[in-house]
Amino acid sequence: MDEERALYIVRAGEAGAIERVLRDYSDKHRATFKFESTDEDKRKKLCEGIFKVLVKDVPTTCQVSCLEVLRILSRDKKILVPVTTKENMQILLRLAKLHESDDSLEKVSEFPVIVESLKCLCNIVFNSQMAQQLSLELNLAAKLCNLLRKCKDRKFINDIKCFDLRLLFLLSLLHTDIRSQLRYELQGLPLLTQILESAFSIKWTDEYESAIDHNGPPLSPQETDCAIEALKALFNVTVDSWKVHKESDSHQFRVMAAVLRHCLLIVGPTEEKTEELHSNAVNLLSNVPVSCLDVLICPLTHGETAQEAATLDELPGDKTTEKDTVLKSNAMVYNGMNMEAIHVLLTFMEKRIDKGSSYREGLTPVLSLLTECSRAHRNIRKFLKDQVLPPLRDVTNRPEVGSTVRNKLVRLMTHVDLGVKQIAAEFLFVLCKERVDSLLKYTGYGNAAGLLAARGLLAGGRGDNWYSEDEDTDTEEYKNAKPNINLITGHLEEPMPNPIDEMTEEQKEYEAMKLVNMLDKLSRRADVKDQPHDGG
């Protein structure tokens, strides 16, 4: 009934009446995602009628009402086939300022029309294969990049950037050819990186270092959404970028990694948005060549070094016996390097473990990232080893029992999901410099057996990668307990009582004779087997 009334007014009414009836329809069906099949034909005709209105010279408010209803109707895949034509796509491109002209974005009154047009395009491209093919024919990716360049430094049009980026993400997700076009022809990597810089308001203090204001306000919801969409689009653009072939590529990836470091050190408007932001940053960092990830850590500035010295002066006793890690004014410092970003990744990983579900999607990306960083960068590995596998002191409990990061990771080594347990074991193995004896010390043979069997290291040894030699870090407590540690379980066991101690002399003599008789029987059986048999 709603469709019939709306269709009648759209066909015969004037702009004001059309705007009113479509606004009512939009308000009523704003949360509708499933439609009755009986009204399918009416919805198709309503879509066609709306496109005919959009080509007319109607007020902006009427255009917005038309596009809002079109966005709602485009949620239904069944009605898109007859309305997804090249002509209709071009109408939406023109309204979204994606046509060939060089119009600037000066008319604020047009912004709602641009945003609603982009929303419609997102739905139509996602739900219609015909629209996806037309997107290639109309070179939609290039038009979206051009619109981004018009608004990349304009903070008051975040909604336009957000849905432009979302459409770019969808196109690059659905078409591998567009990923290549974005990467090389359209220079999508520097463009999208600049969008992130703008969203985070980054101020560079060095080539790959940005100023971090720990007391600054969180990102606004609009800036956060825009950054998340840019991160997702960048992920698609860089999904095959495992190797750096040119110096310019290396530089661009380092800039992007520095922007992602900044991303990890800021927060969104809510805890959930912050986690979503950091999750997409982790996914994108997984695409960065590992040689470029050294920018995640940076040397301390002169002021920070002075603060560290002051902090060390306040430590009691002999400073040389303290850990190299100092937590101060929100900065995690190790060996003269700022490790804040790595610490955020470690905290993020632990939160994902604590969730207890969706490990493959939520946990393996950050574990893989930390593993590769540790394998390639010595300072990162040593810092993570200090945080995850500190020198052992109390070995009375099994390695998998407890609430430390080490305990949680050891528990994952026997997880039912093969991929999860493999990457958890690999991470700990790399932290141990791929030395079997060191891994067994922290995990026990039972927990590590799967990894060692897969690597052919059940008899001991070390992996294929080379690591620097560090000094022995065993504590006196561990050295004293080591002779009594069960290598299978990895924890200290009390010596078992000797059953002979409680026997009388008669019982001891009886058990001795019993043993002699058993040995005699075994000897006789062996002699019988050794005698030649007559084959006849």
Protein backbone atom coordinates (compact mmCIF):
# COMPACT_ATOMS: atom_id res chain seq x y z
CA MET A 1 0.00 0.00 0.00
CA ASP A 2 2.87 2.40 0.84
CA GLU A 3 4.49 1.69 -2.53
CA GLU A 4 1.25 2.31 -4.44
CA ARG A 5 0.67 5.70 -2.84
CA ALA A 6 4.32 6.74 -3.23
CA LEU A 7 4.37 5.58 -6.88
CA TYR A 8 1.18 7.52 -7.70
CA ILE A 9 2.57 10.77 -6.25
CA VAL A 10 6.00 10.28 -7.84
CA ARG A 11 4.43 9.84 -11.27
CA ALA A 12 1.89 12.65 -11.13
CA GLY A 13 2.73 14.99 -8.25
CA GLU A 14 4.80 18.14 -7.98
CA ALA A 15 8.14 18.36 -6.16
CA GLY A 16 6.71 19.32 -2.77
CA ALA A 17 4.21 16.46 -2.72
CA ILE A 18 6.88 14.00 -3.90
CA GLU A 19 9.21 15.13 -1.14
CA ARG A 20 6.52 14.71 1.55
CA VAL A 21 5.35 11.25 0.51
CA LEU A 22 8.90 9.94 0.09
CA ARG A 23 9.94 11.38 3.45
CA ASP A 24 7.01 9.53 5.06
CA TYR A 25 8.01 6.32 3.26
CA SER A 26 11.62 6.74 4.39
CA ASP A 27 10.67 7.35 8.02
CA LYS A 28 8.46 4.26 8.05
CA HIS A 29 10.97 1.90 6.37
CA ARG A 30 14.25 3.27 7.68
CA ALA A 31 15.00 0.01 9.54
CA THR A 32 13.53 -2.33 6.89
CA PHE A 33 15.96 -4.85 5.44
CA LYS A 34 13.57 -7.64 4.41
CA PHE A 35 10.80 -6.94 1.94
CA GLU A 36 7.59 -8.72 0.96
CA SER A 37 7.92 -10.52 -2.36
CA THR A 38 4.32 -9.65 -3.24
CA ASP A 39 5.23 -5.96 -3.62
CA GLU A 40 8.39 -6.59 -5.63
CA ASP A 41 7.00 -5.24 -8.91
CA LYS A 42 5.73 -2.08 -7.23
CA ARG A 43 9.15 -1.41 -5.71
CA LYS A 44 10.79 -1.82 -9.13
CA LYS A 45 8.42 0.75 -10.63
CA LEU A 46 8.98 3.08 -7.68
CA CYS A 47 12.75 2.93 -8.27
CA GLU A 48 12.24 3.73 -11.95
CA GLY A 49 9.96 6.64 -11.03
CA ILE A 50 12.53 8.03 -8.59
CA PHE A 51 15.26 8.04 -11.26
CA LYS A 52 12.92 10.00 -13.55
CA VAL A 53 12.47 12.60 -10.79
CA LEU A 54 16.23 12.83 -10.19
CA VAL A 55 16.92 13.94 -13.76
CA LYS A 56 14.54 16.86 -13.34
CA ASP A 57 15.34 20.26 -11.89
CA VAL A 58 13.90 19.69 -8.41
CA PRO A 59 14.94 21.24 -5.07
CA THR A 60 17.84 19.76 -3.12
CA THR A 61 15.52 18.61 -0.32
CA CYS A 62 13.43 16.67 -2.82
CA GLN A 63 16.57 15.05 -4.24
CA VAL A 64 17.60 13.96 -0.74
CA SER A 65 14.18 12.38 -0.09
CA CYS A 66 14.35 10.53 -3.42
CA LEU A 67 17.83 9.21 -2.67
CA GLU A 68 16.90 8.14 0.88
CA VAL A 69 14.06 5.98 -0.48
CA LEU A 70 16.28 4.65 -3.27
CA ARG A 71 18.90 3.68 -0.67
CA ILE A 72 16.26 1.74 1.30
CA LEU A 73 14.89 0.00 -1.81
CA SER A 74 18.42 -0.90 -3.01
CA ARG A 75 18.76 -3.23 -0.03
CA ASP A 76 16.58 -5.67 -2.00
CA LYS A 77 18.71 -7.48 -4.59
CA LYS A 78 15.70 -8.67 -6.58
CA ILE A 79 14.60 -5.23 -7.74
CA LEU A 80 18.02 -4.00 -8.88
CA VAL A 81 18.27 -5.86 -12.20
CA PRO A 82 15.85 -3.66 -14.20
CA VAL A 83 16.97 -0.38 -12.59
CA THR A 84 20.73 -0.93 -12.69
CA THR A 85 21.46 0.56 -16.08
CA LYS A 86 24.34 2.67 -17.35
CA GLU A 87 22.04 5.67 -17.59
CA ASN A 88 20.84 5.34 -13.99
CA MET A 89 24.38 4.79 -12.72
CA GLN A 90 25.47 7.97 -14.48
CA ILE A 91 22.63 9.87 -12.78
CA LEU A 92 23.96 8.80 -9.37
CA LEU A 93 27.55 9.60 -10.38
CA ARG A 94 26.52 13.11 -11.38
CA LEU A 95 24.67 13.70 -8.10
CA ALA A 96 27.67 12.34 -6.15
CA LYS A 97 30.02 14.77 -7.95
CA LEU A 98 31.76 11.81 -9.58
CA HIS A 99 31.28 13.00 -13.16
CA GLU A 100 34.11 14.30 -15.33
CA SER A 101 33.81 18.00 -14.47
CA ASP A 102 36.24 19.74 -12.15
CA ASP A 103 33.57 21.20 -9.89
CA SER A 104 34.89 22.06 -6.45
CA LEU A 105 33.02 21.18 -3.29
CA GLU A 106 31.97 24.67 -2.31
CA LYS A 107 28.17 24.42 -2.05
CA VAL A 108 27.48 23.10 1.44
CA SER A 109 23.80 22.68 0.52
CA GLU A 110 24.79 19.95 -1.95
CA PHE A 111 26.64 17.82 0.62
CA PRO A 112 23.55 15.81 1.75
CA VAL A 113 22.83 14.93 -1.91
CA ILE A 114 26.44 13.79 -2.43
CA VAL A 115 26.38 11.65 0.72
CA GLU A 116 23.04 10.00 -0.08
CA SER A 117 24.15 9.33 -3.66
CA LEU A 118 27.31 7.61 -2.40
CA LYS A 119 25.24 5.54 0.03
CA CYS A 120 22.98 4.42 -2.83
CA LEU A 121 26.01 3.50 -4.93
CA CYS A 122 27.43 1.46 -2.05
CA ASN A 123 24.23 -0.60 -1.77
CA ILE A 124 23.77 -1.00 -5.52
CA VAL A 125 27.40 -2.01 -6.20
CA PHE A 126 27.40 -4.45 -3.29
CA ASN A 127 24.10 -6.11 -4.28
CA SER A 128 24.26 -6.07 -8.09
CA GLN A 129 26.77 -7.83 -10.35
CA MET A 130 25.57 -5.67 -13.23
CA ALA A 131 26.49 -2.55 -11.22
CA GLN A 132 29.90 -4.02 -10.50
CA GLN A 133 30.54 -4.48 -14.23
CA LEU A 134 29.26 -0.98 -14.98
CA SER A 135 31.65 0.37 -12.31
CA LEU A 136 34.55 -0.98 -14.34
CA GLU A 137 33.15 0.42 -17.58
CA LEU A 138 32.56 3.84 -16.03
CA ASN A 139 36.00 3.85 -14.36
CA LEU A 140 34.36 4.50 -11.00
CA ALA A 141 37.57 3.91 -8.99
CA ALA A 142 39.35 6.80 -10.72
CA LYS A 143 36.37 9.08 -10.14
CA LEU A 144 36.31 8.18 -6.43
CA CYS A 145 40.03 8.96 -6.10
CA ASN A 146 39.47 12.30 -7.80
CA LEU A 147 36.68 13.16 -5.33
CA LEU A 148 38.96 12.18 -2.44
CA ARG A 149 41.62 14.59 -3.68
CA LYS A 150 39.05 17.37 -3.66
CA CYS A 151 38.16 16.79 -0.03
CA LYS A 152 41.19 15.16 1.63
CA ASP A 153 42.08 18.29 3.64
CA ARG A 154 38.50 19.39 4.34
CA LYS A 155 37.47 18.13 7.77
CA PHE A 156 33.90 19.41 7.54
CA ILE A 157 33.02 16.92 4.80
CA ASN A 158 33.97 13.72 6.62
CA ASP A 159 30.72 12.00 5.60
CA ILE A 160 31.58 12.42 1.92
CA LYS A 161 35.08 11.00 2.49
CA CYS A 162 33.69 8.15 4.59
CA PHE A 163 31.26 6.85 1.97
CA ASP A 164 33.67 7.54 -0.88
CA LEU A 165 36.19 5.33 0.94
CA ARG A 166 33.56 2.68 1.67
CA LEU A 167 32.66 2.47 -2.02
CA LEU A 168 36.35 2.30 -2.89
CA PHE A 169 36.75 -0.55 -0.40
CA LEU A 170 33.81 -2.45 -1.93
CA LEU A 171 35.15 -2.04 -5.46
CA SER A 172 38.64 -3.21 -4.50
CA LEU A 173 37.13 -6.12 -2.57
CA LEU A 174 34.97 -7.30 -5.47
CA HIS A 175 37.49 -6.74 -8.30
CA THR A 176 41.15 -7.71 -8.12
CA ASP A 177 41.84 -5.62 -11.24
CA ILE A 178 40.80 -2.50 -9.38
CA ARG A 179 43.35 -3.25 -6.65
CA SER A 180 46.13 -3.12 -9.20
CA GLN A 181 44.68 0.02 -10.77
CA LEU A 182 44.49 1.73 -7.38
CA ARG A 183 48.02 0.71 -6.44
CA TYR A 184 49.86 1.76 -9.58
CA GLU A 185 47.75 3.86 -11.96
CA LEU A 186 45.78 5.91 -9.42
CA GLN A 187 48.52 6.16 -6.74
CA GLY A 188 46.07 4.89 -4.15
CA LEU A 189 48.73 4.08 -1.56
CA PRO A 190 49.97 7.67 -0.99
CA LEU A 191 46.45 9.09 -1.46
CA LEU A 192 44.85 6.86 1.17
CA THR A 193 47.81 7.34 3.50
CA GLN A 194 47.28 11.10 3.26
CA ILE A 195 43.60 10.59 4.11
CA LEU A 196 44.72 8.82 7.29
CA GLU A 197 47.17 11.60 8.10
CA SER A 198 44.35 14.12 7.77
CA ALA A 199 41.96 12.06 9.93
CA PHE A 200 44.58 11.75 12.68
CA SER A 201 45.82 15.39 12.33
CA ILE A 202 49.41 14.09 12.25
CA LYS A 203 52.29 16.49 12.83
CA TRP A 204 55.63 15.03 11.76
CA THR A 205 58.68 15.54 13.97
CA ASP A 206 60.99 13.48 11.74
CA GLU A 207 60.77 11.57 8.48
CA TYR A 208 58.96 8.63 10.07
CA GLU A 209 58.05 10.02 13.51
CA SER A 210 54.94 11.91 14.54
CA ALA A 211 54.11 13.93 17.64
CA ILE A 212 51.86 12.04 20.09
CA ASP A 213 49.71 13.97 22.55
CA HIS A 214 48.74 11.43 25.19
CA ASN A 215 46.55 14.00 26.93
CA GLY A 216 44.78 15.09 23.75
CA PRO A 217 41.09 14.48 23.06
CA PRO A 218 39.97 11.22 21.41
CA LEU A 219 39.09 11.08 17.74
CA SER A 220 35.58 12.19 16.88
CA PRO A 221 33.12 9.50 15.67
CA GLN A 222 33.30 10.93 12.13
CA GLU A 223 37.12 10.94 12.07
CA THR A 224 37.18 7.39 13.45
CA ASP A 225 34.74 6.06 10.86
CA CYS A 226 36.65 7.79 8.07
CA ALA A 227 39.95 6.31 9.29
CA ILE A 228 38.47 2.80 9.54
CA GLU A 229 37.18 2.96 5.97
CA ALA A 230 40.58 4.21 4.75
CA LEU A 231 42.34 1.38 6.58
CA LYS A 232 40.06 -1.22 4.98
CA ALA A 233 40.59 0.24 1.51
CA LEU A 234 44.37 0.33 2.06
CA PHE A 235 44.29 -3.30 3.12
CA ASN A 236 42.83 -4.30 -0.25
CA VAL A 237 45.31 -2.12 -2.14
CA THR A 238 48.32 -3.65 -0.34
CA VAL A 239 47.08 -7.21 0.12
CA ASP A 240 49.75 -8.63 -2.21
CA SER A 241 52.58 -6.34 -1.09
CA TRP A 242 54.90 -8.80 0.63
CA LYS A 243 58.07 -7.71 -1.16
CA VAL A 244 59.52 -4.26 -1.75
CA HIS A 245 61.11 -3.90 -5.18
CA LYS A 246 61.89 -0.19 -5.35
CA GLU A 247 63.22 2.39 -2.93
CA SER A 248 60.12 4.52 -3.49
CA ASP A 249 57.93 1.57 -2.46
CA SER A 250 60.01 1.09 0.67
CA HIS A 251 59.69 4.77 1.58
CA GLN A 252 55.92 4.77 1.04
CA PHE A 253 55.44 1.66 3.15
CA ARG A 254 57.54 3.17 5.92
CA VAL A 255 55.41 6.32 5.87
CA MET A 256 52.28 4.17 6.08
CA ALA A 257 53.74 2.12 8.94
CA ALA A 258 54.57 5.37 10.79
CA VAL A 259 50.97 6.54 10.32
CA LEU A 260 49.77 3.18 11.65
CA ARG A 261 52.06 3.54 14.66
CA HIS A 262 50.35 6.87 15.36
CA CYS A 263 46.99 5.12 14.92
CA LEU A 264 47.87 2.54 17.59
CA LEU A 265 48.74 5.29 20.09
CA ILE A 266 45.47 7.21 19.86
CA VAL A 267 41.95 6.33 20.94
CA GLY A 268 38.51 6.61 19.42
CA PRO A 269 35.33 7.98 20.99
CA THR A 270 34.49 4.63 22.65
CA GLU A 271 36.39 1.52 23.69
CA GLU A 272 34.61 -0.49 20.97
CA LYS A 273 35.57 2.01 18.27
CA THR A 274 39.16 2.07 19.52
CA GLU A 275 39.35 -1.71 19.26
CA GLU A 276 37.87 -1.64 15.75
CA LEU A 277 40.35 1.06 14.73
CA HIS A 278 43.32 -0.87 16.14
CA SER A 279 42.07 -4.14 14.65
CA ASN A 280 42.07 -2.66 11.14
CA ALA A 281 45.50 -1.14 11.79
CA VAL A 282 46.82 -4.59 12.75
CA ASN A 283 45.36 -6.13 9.60
CA LEU A 284 47.01 -3.47 7.44
CA LEU A 285 50.37 -3.81 9.23
CA SER A 286 50.31 -7.49 8.26
CA ASN A 287 50.55 -6.36 4.61
CA VAL A 288 53.56 -4.12 5.22
CA PRO A 289 56.90 -5.72 4.22
CA VAL A 290 58.57 -6.79 7.45
CA SER A 291 61.73 -4.82 6.62
CA CYS A 292 59.66 -1.61 6.88
CA LEU A 293 58.22 -2.37 10.32
CA ASP A 294 61.27 -1.01 12.13
CA VAL A 295 59.51 2.38 12.19
CA LEU A 296 57.10 0.97 14.78
CA ILE A 297 59.86 1.67 17.29
CA CYS A 298 61.98 4.80 17.41
CA PRO A 299 64.90 6.15 19.45
CA LEU A 300 64.05 8.34 22.40
CA THR A 301 64.33 12.07 22.01
CA HIS A 302 66.74 14.02 24.22
CA GLY A 303 63.91 15.02 26.55
CA GLU A 304 62.65 11.46 26.82
CA THR A 305 66.18 10.21 27.56
CA ALA A 306 66.48 12.68 30.42
CA GLN A 307 63.14 11.50 31.79
CA GLU A 308 64.27 7.88 31.59
CA ALA A 309 67.46 8.66 33.50
CA ALA A 310 65.43 10.42 36.18
CA THR A 311 63.12 7.43 36.41
CA LEU A 312 66.04 5.02 36.75
CA ASP A 313 67.53 7.21 39.48
CA GLU A 314 64.35 6.71 41.47
CA LEU A 315 64.60 2.92 41.35
CA PRO A 316 65.76 1.37 44.65
CA GLY A 317 69.01 -0.53 45.00
CA ASP A 318 71.41 -1.43 42.22
CA LYS A 319 69.98 -0.05 38.94
CA THR A 320 72.00 -2.51 36.87
CA THR A 321 69.96 -5.41 38.26
CA GLU A 322 66.66 -3.87 37.18
CA LYS A 323 64.93 -4.73 33.93
CA ASP A 324 65.80 -2.64 30.88
CA THR A 325 62.10 -1.79 30.56
CA VAL A 326 60.77 1.37 32.20
CA LEU A 327 57.17 2.51 32.10
CA LYS A 328 56.94 6.27 32.35
CA SER A 329 54.47 8.95 31.36
CA ASN A 330 52.64 6.48 29.10
CA ALA A 331 55.87 5.65 27.23
CA MET A 332 57.20 2.08 27.23
CA VAL A 333 60.99 2.28 26.88
CA TYR A 334 63.39 -0.58 26.18
CA ASN A 335 67.10 -0.37 25.39
CA GLY A 336 66.84 3.30 24.51
CA MET A 337 63.89 2.74 22.14
CA ASN A 338 60.27 3.85 22.47
CA MET A 339 58.20 0.63 22.46
CA GLU A 340 54.74 2.12 22.95
CA ALA A 341 53.30 0.76 19.72
CA ILE A 342 54.62 -2.76 20.35
CA HIS A 343 53.19 -2.65 23.86
CA VAL A 344 49.80 -1.63 22.45
CA LEU A 345 49.95 -4.60 20.05
CA LEU A 346 50.81 -6.92 22.94
CA THR A 347 47.92 -5.57 25.02
CA PHE A 348 45.60 -5.90 22.03
CA MET A 349 46.69 -9.53 21.59
CA GLU A 350 46.02 -10.32 25.25
CA LYS A 351 42.53 -8.79 25.06
CA ARG A 352 41.77 -10.95 22.04
CA ILE A 353 42.92 -14.05 23.94
CA ASP A 354 40.73 -13.10 26.90
CA LYS A 355 37.67 -12.89 24.65
CA GLY A 356 37.89 -16.66 24.25
CA SER A 357 36.23 -16.81 20.81
CA SER A 358 36.86 -16.11 17.12
CA TYR A 359 40.57 -16.73 17.59
CA ARG A 360 41.24 -17.39 13.91
CA GLU A 361 39.79 -14.05 12.75
CA GLY A 362 40.57 -11.93 15.78
CA LEU A 363 43.81 -13.29 17.23
CA THR A 364 45.91 -14.83 14.47
CA PRO A 365 46.57 -11.52 12.59
CA VAL A 366 48.16 -9.81 15.60
CA LEU A 367 50.04 -12.97 16.62
CA SER A 368 51.42 -13.35 13.08
CA LEU A 369 52.43 -9.68 13.05
CA LEU A 370 54.27 -9.91 16.38
CA THR A 371 55.96 -13.13 15.26
CA GLU A 372 57.30 -11.58 12.04
CA CYS A 373 58.38 -8.40 13.86
CA SER A 374 60.25 -10.48 16.43
CA ARG A 375 61.93 -12.61 13.80
CA ALA A 376 63.18 -9.61 11.82
CA HIS A 377 63.91 -6.97 14.48
CA ARG A 378 66.11 -7.81 17.47
CA ASN A 379 64.95 -4.98 19.75
CA ILE A 380 61.31 -5.90 19.25
CA ARG A 381 62.03 -9.57 19.99
CA LYS A 382 63.99 -8.79 23.14
CA PHE A 383 61.30 -6.43 24.40
CA LEU A 384 58.53 -8.98 23.78
CA LYS A 385 60.63 -11.75 25.35
CA ASP A 386 61.00 -9.55 28.43
CA GLN A 387 57.24 -8.96 28.56
CA VAL A 388 55.97 -12.43 27.63
CA LEU A 389 58.73 -14.75 28.88
CA PRO A 390 60.46 -13.04 31.80
CA PRO A 391 63.13 -15.04 33.69
CA LEU A 392 61.51 -17.95 35.52
CA ARG A 393 61.37 -17.83 39.30
CA ASP A 394 58.33 -19.79 40.49
CA VAL A 395 58.04 -23.10 38.63
CA THR A 396 55.68 -24.86 41.02
CA ASN A 397 52.74 -24.55 38.59
CA ARG A 398 52.40 -25.97 35.10
CA PRO A 399 53.21 -23.45 32.32
CA GLU A 400 49.58 -23.41 31.15
CA VAL A 401 48.22 -22.65 34.63
CA GLY A 402 47.88 -18.98 35.57
CA SER A 403 46.84 -15.59 34.23
CA THR A 404 50.08 -14.24 32.73
CA VAL A 405 50.49 -13.72 28.98
CA ARG A 406 52.85 -16.69 28.94
CA ASN A 407 50.24 -18.94 30.59
CA LYS A 408 47.58 -17.85 28.09
CA LEU A 409 49.81 -18.46 25.08
CA VAL A 410 50.93 -21.88 26.35
CA ARG A 411 47.26 -22.86 26.71
CA LEU A 412 46.75 -21.92 23.04
CA MET A 413 49.53 -24.34 22.04
CA THR A 414 47.03 -27.20 22.54
CA HIS A 415 44.01 -25.40 21.09
CA VAL A 416 41.62 -27.41 18.91
CA ASP A 417 42.11 -25.00 15.98
CA LEU A 418 45.29 -26.07 14.20
CA GLY A 419 46.03 -22.60 12.83
CA VAL A 420 45.67 -20.96 16.24
CA LYS A 421 47.92 -23.41 18.07
CA GLN A 422 50.54 -23.28 15.32
CA ILE A 423 50.89 -19.49 15.36
CA ALA A 424 50.88 -19.35 19.18
CA ALA A 425 53.65 -21.96 19.34
CA GLU A 426 55.57 -20.23 16.54
CA PHE A 427 55.45 -16.90 18.39
CA LEU A 428 56.90 -18.41 21.57
CA PHE A 429 59.47 -20.37 19.56
CA VAL A 430 60.71 -17.17 17.88
CA LEU A 431 60.89 -15.38 21.24
CA CYS A 432 63.12 -18.26 22.35
CA LYS A 433 65.33 -17.66 19.26
CA GLU A 434 64.05 -20.96 17.85
CA ARG A 435 66.04 -22.92 20.43
CA VAL A 436 64.29 -26.10 21.54
CA ASP A 437 65.85 -26.18 25.02
CA SER A 438 64.75 -22.61 25.69
CA LEU A 439 61.19 -23.26 24.46
CA LEU A 440 60.86 -26.39 26.60
CA LYS A 441 61.97 -24.40 29.64
CA TYR A 442 58.95 -22.09 29.28
CA THR A 443 56.32 -24.48 27.91
CA GLY A 444 57.18 -28.06 28.81
CA TYR A 445 57.69 -30.86 26.29
CA GLY A 446 54.02 -31.87 26.24
CA ASN A 447 52.78 -28.47 25.10
CA ALA A 448 55.57 -28.02 22.54
CA ALA A 449 55.43 -31.51 21.01
CA GLY A 450 53.16 -30.48 18.12
CA LEU A 451 55.45 -27.67 16.95
CA LEU A 452 58.61 -29.75 17.40
CA ALA A 453 57.14 -32.68 15.46
CA ALA A 454 56.14 -30.37 12.60
CA ARG A 455 59.66 -28.87 12.54
CA GLY A 456 61.46 -32.22 12.89
CA LEU A 457 62.98 -31.07 16.18
CA LEU A 458 61.66 -33.65 18.63
CA ALA A 459 65.26 -34.69 19.38
CA GLY A 460 66.27 -31.08 20.10
CA GLY A 461 68.29 -28.48 18.24
CA ARG A 462 67.19 -25.15 16.84
CA GLY A 463 65.31 -23.65 13.88
CA ASP A 464 66.67 -22.40 10.58
CA ASN A 465 66.87 -18.68 11.43
CA TRP A 466 69.92 -17.01 12.94
CA TYR A 467 69.63 -14.95 16.12
CA SER A 468 72.18 -13.07 18.16
CA GLU A 469 73.58 -14.74 21.26
CA ASP A 470 72.29 -13.30 24.53
CA GLU A 471 73.64 -13.90 27.97
CA ASP A 472 72.13 -16.54 30.25
CA THR A 473 69.09 -15.13 32.07
CA ASP A 474 68.28 -18.07 34.35
CA THR A 475 67.49 -16.96 37.89
CA GLU A 476 69.01 -18.62 40.95
CA GLU A 477 65.55 -19.91 41.88
CA TYR A 478 65.23 -21.66 38.51
CA LYS A 479 68.75 -23.08 38.64
CA ASN A 480 68.09 -24.58 42.08
CA ALA A 481 64.77 -26.10 40.98
CA LYS A 482 65.92 -27.30 37.55
CA PRO A 483 67.04 -30.82 38.57
CA ASN A 484 63.53 -31.56 39.88
CA ILE A 485 61.53 -30.05 36.98
CA ASN A 486 59.47 -32.51 34.99
CA LEU A 487 60.47 -31.91 31.35
CA ILE A 488 57.11 -33.15 30.07
CA THR A 489 54.90 -30.92 32.19
CA GLY A 490 57.42 -28.10 32.64
CA HIS A 491 56.90 -27.63 36.35
CA LEU A 492 58.52 -28.59 39.64
CA GLU A 493 57.45 -31.95 41.07
CA GLU A 494 58.14 -33.19 44.56
CA PRO A 495 60.41 -36.29 44.58
CA MET A 496 58.37 -39.51 44.62
CA PRO A 497 58.78 -41.59 47.83
CA ASN A 498 60.91 -44.74 47.43
CA PRO A 499 58.59 -47.75 48.07
CA ILE A 500 61.55 -49.88 49.24
CA ASP A 501 62.12 -47.60 52.22
CA GLU A 502 58.90 -48.82 53.90
CA MET A 503 59.48 -52.56 53.24
CA THR A 504 60.67 -55.10 55.82
CA GLU A 505 63.73 -57.22 55.09
CA GLU A 506 61.50 -60.23 54.26
CA GLN A 507 59.50 -58.14 51.72
CA LYS A 508 62.68 -56.87 50.11
CA GLU A 509 64.01 -60.43 49.79
CA TYR A 510 60.69 -61.62 48.31
CA GLU A 511 60.67 -58.83 45.70
CA ALA A 512 64.30 -59.53 44.82
CA MET A 513 63.60 -63.25 44.22
CA LYS A 514 60.51 -62.31 42.18
CA LEU A 515 62.68 -60.14 39.95
CA VAL A 516 65.29 -62.89 39.56
CA ASN A 517 62.60 -65.38 38.47
CA MET A 518 61.20 -62.92 35.90
CA LEU A 519 64.65 -62.32 34.44
CA ASP A 520 65.25 -66.08 34.28
CA LYS A 521 62.00 -66.61 32.34
CA LEU A 522 62.91 -63.88 29.87
CA SER A 523 66.36 -65.46 29.39
CA ARG A 524 64.87 -68.92 28.71
CA ARG A 525 62.43 -67.51 26.11
CA ALA A 526 65.30 -65.82 24.32
CA ASP A 527 67.29 -69.08 24.22
CA VAL A 528 64.30 -70.95 22.70
CA LYS A 529 63.90 -68.36 19.93
CA ASP A 530 67.61 -68.60 19.07
CA GLN A 531 67.53 -72.42 18.54
CA PRO A 532 67.43 -73.52 14.83
CA HIS A 533 64.09 -74.88 13.55
CA ASP A 534 63.78 -78.02 11.41
CA GLY A 535 62.12 -76.98 8.16
CA GLY A 536 61.10 -80.59 7.26
